[in-house]
C-alpha atoms as a PDB file:
ATOM      1  CA  UNK A   1     -32.931   8.665 -44.655  1.00  0.00           C
ATOM      2  CA  UNK A   2     -30.128  10.867 -43.237  1.00  0.00           C
ATOM      3  CA  UNK A   3     -31.497  10.251 -39.735  1.00  0.00           C
ATOM      4  CA  UNK A   4     -30.975   6.486 -40.078  1.00  0.00           C
ATOM      5  CA  UNK A   5     -27.503   6.897 -41.591  1.00  0.00           C
ATOM      6  CA  UNK A   6     -26.295   8.830 -38.529  1.00  0.00           C
ATOM      7  CA  UNK A   7     -27.917   6.302 -36.249  1.00  0.00           C
ATOM      8  CA  UNK A   8     -26.158   3.452 -38.060  1.00  0.00           C
ATOM      9  CA  UNK A   9     -22.783   5.167 -37.692  1.00  0.00           C
ATOM     10  CA  UNK A  10     -23.326   5.612 -33.961  1.00  0.00           C
ATOM     11  CA  UNK A  11     -24.204   1.940 -33.608  1.00  0.00           C
ATOM     12  CA  UNK A  12     -21.129   0.978 -35.607  1.00  0.00           C
ATOM     13  CA  UNK A  13     -18.891   3.119 -33.377  1.00  0.00           C
ATOM     14  CA  UNK A  14     -20.417   1.610 -30.244  1.00  0.00           C
ATOM     15  CA  UNK A  15     -19.983  -1.890 -31.668  1.00  0.00           C
ATOM     16  CA  UNK A  16     -16.320  -1.247 -32.507  1.00  0.00           C
ATOM     17  CA  UNK A  17     -15.607   0.196 -29.039  1.00  0.00           C
ATOM     18  CA  UNK A  18     -17.285  -2.737 -27.290  1.00  0.00           C
ATOM     19  CA  UNK A  19     -15.454  -5.210 -29.500  1.00  0.00           C
ATOM     20  CA  UNK A  20     -12.087  -3.615 -28.720  1.00  0.00           C
ATOM     21  CA  UNK A  21     -12.934  -3.588 -25.024  1.00  0.00           C
ATOM     22  CA  UNK A  22     -13.785  -7.282 -25.068  1.00  0.00           C
ATOM     23  CA  UNK A  23     -10.671  -8.191 -27.028  1.00  0.00           C
ATOM     24  CA  UNK A  24      -8.380  -6.077 -24.882  1.00  0.00           C
ATOM     25  CA  UNK A  25      -9.705  -6.720 -21.372  1.00  0.00           C
ATOM     26  CA  UNK A  26     -11.928  -9.786 -21.295  1.00  0.00           C
ATOM     27  CA  UNK A  27      -9.508 -12.057 -23.150  1.00  0.00           C
ATOM     28  CA  UNK A  28      -6.544 -11.277 -20.882  1.00  0.00           C
ATOM     29  CA  UNK A  29      -4.620  -9.494 -23.652  1.00  0.00           C
ATOM     30  CA  UNK A  30      -4.381  -6.352 -21.470  1.00  0.00           C
ATOM     31  CA  UNK A  31      -2.742  -8.381 -18.691  1.00  0.00           C
ATOM     32  CA  UNK A  32      -0.269  -9.998 -21.094  1.00  0.00           C
ATOM     33  CA  UNK A  33       0.756  -6.644 -22.605  1.00  0.00           C
ATOM     34  CA  UNK A  34       0.925  -4.551 -19.422  1.00  0.00           C
ATOM     35  CA  UNK A  35       1.499  -7.128 -16.685  1.00  0.00           C
ATOM     36  CA  UNK A  36      -1.358  -5.529 -14.747  1.00  0.00           C
ATOM     37  CA  UNK A  37      -4.356  -7.591 -13.721  1.00  0.00           C
ATOM     38  CA  UNK A  38      -7.794  -6.941 -12.318  1.00  0.00           C
ATOM     39  CA  UNK A  39      -7.634 -10.077 -10.158  1.00  0.00           C
ATOM     40  CA  UNK A  40      -7.148  -8.075  -6.943  1.00  0.00           C
ATOM     41  CA  UNK A  41      -9.074  -9.761  -4.163  1.00  0.00           C
ATOM     42  CA  UNK A  42      -8.695 -11.074  -0.638  1.00  0.00           C
ATOM     43  CA  UNK A  43     -10.174 -13.865   1.475  1.00  0.00           C
ATOM     44  CA  UNK A  44      -9.868 -14.264   5.254  1.00  0.00           C
ATOM     45  CA  UNK A  45     -10.624 -17.732   6.649  1.00  0.00           C
ATOM     46  CA  UNK A  46     -11.480 -16.392  10.114  1.00  0.00           C
ATOM     47  CA  UNK A  47     -13.494 -13.381   8.849  1.00  0.00           C
ATOM     48  CA  UNK A  48     -11.445 -11.089  11.095  1.00  0.00           C
ATOM     49  CA  UNK A  49     -12.096 -13.009  14.337  1.00  0.00           C
ATOM     50  CA  UNK A  50      -9.275 -12.818  16.881  1.00  0.00           C
ATOM     51  CA  UNK A  51     -10.502 -16.062  18.499  1.00  0.00           C
ATOM     52  CA  UNK A  52      -9.852 -18.188  15.402  1.00  0.00           C
ATOM     53  CA  UNK A  53      -6.502 -18.641  13.655  1.00  0.00           C
ATOM     54  CA  UNK A  54      -6.965 -17.354  10.134  1.00  0.00           C
ATOM     55  CA  UNK A  55      -5.168 -17.219   6.825  1.00  0.00           C
ATOM     56  CA  UNK A  56      -5.508 -14.239   4.509  1.00  0.00           C
ATOM     57  CA  UNK A  57      -4.962 -15.067   0.815  1.00  0.00           C
ATOM     58  CA  UNK A  58      -5.464 -13.330  -2.497  1.00  0.00           C
ATOM     59  CA  UNK A  59      -3.848 -11.001  -5.037  1.00  0.00           C
ATOM     60  CA  UNK A  60      -2.535  -7.484  -4.582  1.00  0.00           C
ATOM     61  CA  UNK A  61      -3.349  -4.589  -6.925  1.00  0.00           C
ATOM     62  CA  UNK A  62      -0.075  -5.480  -8.693  1.00  0.00           C
ATOM     63  CA  UNK A  63      -1.147  -9.088  -9.344  1.00  0.00           C
ATOM     64  CA  UNK A  64       1.190 -10.550  -6.713  1.00  0.00           C
ATOM     65  CA  UNK A  65      -0.248 -13.521  -4.860  1.00  0.00           C
ATOM     66  CA  UNK A  66      -0.101 -13.374  -1.058  1.00  0.00           C
ATOM     67  CA  UNK A  67      -0.773 -15.557   1.974  1.00  0.00           C
ATOM     68  CA  UNK A  68      -0.450 -14.344   5.571  1.00  0.00           C
ATOM     69  CA  UNK A  69      -1.273 -16.388   8.688  1.00  0.00           C
ATOM     70  CA  UNK A  70      -2.280 -15.060  12.115  1.00  0.00           C
ATOM     71  CA  UNK A  71       0.328 -15.865  14.783  1.00  0.00           C
ATOM     72  CA  UNK A  72       1.128 -15.303  18.444  1.00  0.00           C
ATOM     73  CA  UNK A  73       4.136 -13.215  19.403  1.00  0.00           C
ATOM     74  CA  UNK A  74       7.129 -15.135  20.716  1.00  0.00           C
ATOM     75  CA  UNK A  75       8.070 -12.185  22.938  1.00  0.00           C
ATOM     76  CA  UNK A  76       4.667 -11.465  24.500  1.00  0.00           C
ATOM     77  CA  UNK A  77       2.258 -14.349  25.222  1.00  0.00           C
ATOM     78  CA  UNK A  78      -0.726 -11.970  25.117  1.00  0.00           C
ATOM     79  CA  UNK A  79       0.042 -10.471  21.711  1.00  0.00           C
ATOM     80  CA  UNK A  80      -1.544 -11.639  18.433  1.00  0.00           C
ATOM     81  CA  UNK A  81      -0.559 -10.553  14.914  1.00  0.00           C
ATOM     82  CA  UNK A  82      -3.977 -10.510  13.193  1.00  0.00           C
ATOM     83  CA  UNK A  83      -4.228 -10.249   9.394  1.00  0.00           C
ATOM     84  CA  UNK A  84      -7.384  -8.866   7.738  1.00  0.00           C
ATOM     85  CA  UNK A  85      -8.557  -8.025   4.233  1.00  0.00           C
ATOM     86  CA  UNK A  86      -8.576  -4.347   3.288  1.00  0.00           C
ATOM     87  CA  UNK A  87      -9.212  -3.715  -0.410  1.00  0.00           C
ATOM     88  CA  UNK A  88      -8.523   0.006   0.096  1.00  0.00           C
ATOM     89  CA  UNK A  89      -4.793  -0.704   0.417  1.00  0.00           C
ATOM     90  CA  UNK A  90      -2.525  -1.656  -2.514  1.00  0.00           C
ATOM     91  CA  UNK A  91      -1.677  -4.965  -0.780  1.00  0.00           C
ATOM     92  CA  UNK A  92      -5.406  -5.699  -0.187  1.00  0.00           C
ATOM     93  CA  UNK A  93      -4.569  -6.823   3.349  1.00  0.00           C
ATOM     94  CA  UNK A  94      -3.473  -5.229   6.591  1.00  0.00           C
ATOM     95  CA  UNK A  95      -2.214  -6.444   9.950  1.00  0.00           C
ATOM     96  CA  UNK A  96      -2.573  -5.272  13.501  1.00  0.00           C
ATOM     97  CA  UNK A  97      -1.172  -6.248  16.880  1.00  0.00           C
ATOM     98  CA  UNK A  98      -3.961  -7.299  19.241  1.00  0.00           C
ATOM     99  CA  UNK A  99      -3.512  -7.703  22.991  1.00  0.00           C
ATOM    100  CA  UNK A 100      -5.421 -10.814  24.052  1.00  0.00           C
ATOM    101  CA  UNK A 101      -6.919 -10.483  27.521  1.00  0.00           C
ATOM    102  CA  UNK A 102      -6.484 -14.186  28.413  1.00  0.00           C
ATOM    103  CA  UNK A 103      -3.401 -14.805  26.285  1.00  0.00           C
ATOM    104  CA  UNK A 104      -2.644 -16.036  22.784  1.00  0.00           C
ATOM    105  CA  UNK A 105      -2.267 -19.657  21.670  1.00  0.00           C
ATOM    106  CA  UNK A 106      -1.851 -21.220  18.208  1.00  0.00           C
ATOM    107  CA  UNK A 107      -2.506 -17.973  16.317  1.00  0.00           C
ATOM    108  CA  UNK A 108      -5.671 -16.949  18.173  1.00  0.00           C
ATOM    109  CA  UNK A 109      -6.729 -15.216  21.375  1.00  0.00           C
ATOM    110  CA  UNK A 110      -7.908 -17.537  24.149  1.00  0.00           C
ATOM    111  CA  UNK A 111     -11.617 -17.021  24.880  1.00  0.00           C
END
């Protein structure tokens, strides 16, 4: 009988821990109390292509919503500011300057 009593206590502890986890995280209570969210994600409409104008949208690690659009430089007609998703950064996005061989037009390199 002692064997089953210990087993029951372990199950009870596991049940209590899982219940607290569900109440704290799954219901959004954690986000309301701390202001921190696990919504961090990123979507890129051009999937990183320099030949298509894209928009990168999502949430940072700090639950701030973002939207960045690829654009051509006003100073250099061959330069593109390309935005990409990178979930390894706190912003969840990164940008790079790309030199387009045939020039840049409407937020994309000319093919």
